[in-house]
Amino acid sequence: MQTTKKLPSSSTKNTSTTNKIALSLPLLCAIHCAIMPFFITSLPFLGLEFVAMEVIEWVVLLISLGYALYILIKDRKRHKQSTALYLLLVGFTFMFVAHSWHHFTVVLSIIGASIILLAYLFNWRALRSSKSCRLPA
């Protein structure tokens, strides 16, 4: 008797890729927030002052929030757990406070990005343990 290996469906592959992207974004954000103060001082010499514009920071933050909400709300329908969504909202609250209140910006941003990363990890774990979908390890 020959056993056949079941290939993952395309939606499982898409979810896995989407989650990998989502997991990397908070890490990149934390790196960005740690390096940016050093980089900002050299921007005028490089002709890149527009990168330091506060509007750019807010646009990136809002796009990230939209992308994260889309992923976690979609995945919540599959695994029925809300912890990741709540963590995401707490993490983005830290990020919004950090960008609105200009005291301890780096510290608050790193805390917020870490909580967002934790939210994605909770989501990934919930998807892996869900009976309705199985993701590759």
Protein backbone atom coordinates (compact mmCIF):
# COMPACT_ATOMS: atom_id res chain seq x y z
CA MET A 1 0.00 0.00 0.00
CA GLN A 2 1.33 3.36 -0.95
CA THR A 3 0.83 6.40 1.27
CA THR A 4 0.29 9.75 -0.31
CA LYS A 5 1.48 12.91 1.26
CA LYS A 6 -1.17 15.60 1.47
CA LEU A 7 0.07 18.90 0.11
CA PRO A 8 -0.89 22.05 1.97
CA SER A 9 -3.62 24.07 0.33
CA SER A 10 -2.82 27.44 -1.18
CA SER A 11 -4.74 29.22 1.60
CA THR A 12 -2.51 27.53 4.19
CA LYS A 13 0.57 28.65 2.27
CA ASN A 14 -0.80 32.20 2.02
CA THR A 15 -1.62 32.28 5.73
CA SER A 16 1.83 30.97 6.60
CA THR A 17 3.54 33.58 4.42
CA THR A 18 1.29 36.34 5.76
CA ASN A 19 2.10 35.34 9.34
CA LYS A 20 5.84 35.29 8.61
CA ILE A 21 5.60 38.82 7.21
CA ALA A 22 3.50 39.90 10.19
CA LEU A 23 6.00 38.42 12.65
CA SER A 24 8.90 40.28 11.04
CA LEU A 25 7.25 43.73 11.04
CA PRO A 26 7.40 44.43 14.81
CA LEU A 27 11.02 43.27 14.89
CA LEU A 28 11.87 45.65 12.06
CA CYS A 29 9.95 48.39 13.87
CA ALA A 30 11.98 47.85 17.06
CA ILE A 31 15.23 48.00 15.08
CA HIS A 32 14.00 51.12 13.27
CA CYS A 33 13.10 52.83 16.55
CA ALA A 34 16.47 52.01 18.10
CA ILE A 35 18.53 53.17 15.10
CA MET A 36 16.45 56.18 14.01
CA PRO A 37 17.76 58.67 16.62
CA PHE A 38 21.32 58.10 15.37
CA PHE A 39 20.25 58.16 11.73
CA ILE A 40 18.16 61.35 12.08
CA THR A 41 21.20 63.43 12.97
CA SER A 42 22.85 62.53 9.65
CA LEU A 43 19.79 63.04 7.42
CA PRO A 44 20.48 66.68 6.50
CA PHE A 45 23.96 65.71 5.31
CA LEU A 46 22.50 62.96 3.11
CA GLY A 47 19.66 65.11 1.71
CA LEU A 48 17.01 62.83 3.22
CA GLU A 49 15.21 65.19 5.60
CA PHE A 50 11.81 63.96 4.38
CA VAL A 51 12.36 60.56 6.09
CA ALA A 52 12.28 62.27 9.49
CA MET A 53 8.92 63.91 8.81
CA GLU A 54 6.37 63.05 11.47
CA VAL A 55 3.70 62.58 8.80
CA ILE A 56 5.69 59.68 7.33
CA GLU A 57 5.86 58.03 10.77
CA TRP A 58 2.08 58.35 11.25
CA VAL A 59 1.30 57.01 7.78
CA VAL A 60 3.53 53.96 8.32
CA LEU A 61 1.99 53.42 11.76
CA LEU A 62 -1.58 53.59 10.45
CA ILE A 63 -0.83 51.29 7.50
CA SER A 64 0.79 48.81 9.89
CA LEU A 65 -2.25 48.95 12.18
CA GLY A 66 -4.58 48.32 9.25
CA TYR A 67 -2.51 45.37 8.01
CA ALA A 68 -2.25 43.88 11.51
CA LEU A 69 -5.97 44.23 12.19
CA TYR A 70 -6.80 42.62 8.86
CA ILE A 71 -4.58 39.60 9.61
CA LEU A 72 -5.63 39.08 13.21
CA ILE A 73 -9.36 39.58 12.63
CA LYS A 74 -9.23 37.16 9.67
CA ASP A 75 -7.29 34.59 11.71
CA ARG A 76 -9.54 35.07 14.77
CA LYS A 77 -12.45 33.79 12.69
CA ARG A 78 -10.51 30.56 12.27
CA HIS A 79 -9.16 29.96 15.77
CA LYS A 80 -11.78 31.85 17.86
CA GLN A 81 -9.25 33.32 20.31
CA SER A 82 -9.08 37.06 21.06
CA THR A 83 -5.85 37.30 23.08
CA ALA A 84 -3.73 38.20 20.06
CA LEU A 85 -6.15 40.94 19.01
CA TYR A 86 -6.15 42.47 22.51
CA LEU A 87 -2.34 42.36 22.67
CA LEU A 88 -2.17 44.02 19.26
CA LEU A 89 -4.36 46.88 20.45
CA VAL A 90 -2.26 47.33 23.61
CA GLY A 91 0.94 47.32 21.53
CA PHE A 92 -0.38 49.89 19.08
CA THR A 93 -1.59 52.01 22.01
CA PHE A 94 2.02 52.15 23.20
CA MET A 95 3.11 53.08 19.66
CA PHE A 96 0.52 55.87 19.37
CA VAL A 97 1.45 57.24 22.81
CA ALA A 98 5.13 57.12 21.86
CA HIS A 99 4.50 59.12 18.69
CA SER A 100 2.09 61.59 20.32
CA TRP A 101 3.90 62.18 23.59
CA HIS A 102 7.53 62.85 22.77
CA HIS A 103 8.98 61.66 26.08
CA PHE A 104 10.56 58.20 26.20
CA THR A 105 9.67 57.66 22.53
CA VAL A 106 12.26 54.96 21.90
CA VAL A 107 11.43 53.03 25.06
CA LEU A 108 7.66 53.18 24.49
CA SER A 109 8.08 52.25 20.81
CA ILE A 110 10.22 49.23 21.65
CA ILE A 111 7.73 48.12 24.31
CA GLY A 112 4.88 48.57 21.82
CA ALA A 113 6.69 46.69 19.06
CA SER A 114 7.50 43.87 21.50
CA ILE A 115 3.85 43.56 22.53
CA ILE A 116 2.81 43.54 18.85
CA LEU A 117 5.34 40.79 18.18
CA LEU A 118 3.88 38.88 21.13
CA ALA A 119 0.41 39.32 19.62
CA TYR A 120 1.59 37.78 16.34
CA LEU A 121 3.19 34.90 18.23
CA PHE A 122 -0.06 34.26 20.12
CA ASN A 123 -1.94 34.35 16.82
CA TRP A 124 0.50 31.95 15.16
CA ARG A 125 0.28 29.57 18.10
CA ALA A 126 -3.53 29.72 18.11
CA LEU A 127 -3.57 28.93 14.39
CA ARG A 128 -1.23 25.98 14.87
CA SER A 129 -3.35 24.53 17.67
CA SER A 130 -6.66 25.20 15.93
CA LYS A 131 -8.56 22.18 14.67
CA SER A 132 -9.89 24.10 11.70
CA CYS A 133 -6.48 24.77 10.20
CA ARG A 134 -3.03 23.30 10.43
CA LEU A 135 0.02 25.34 9.55
CA PRO A 136 3.46 23.96 8.82
CA ALA A 137 5.96 24.39 11.65
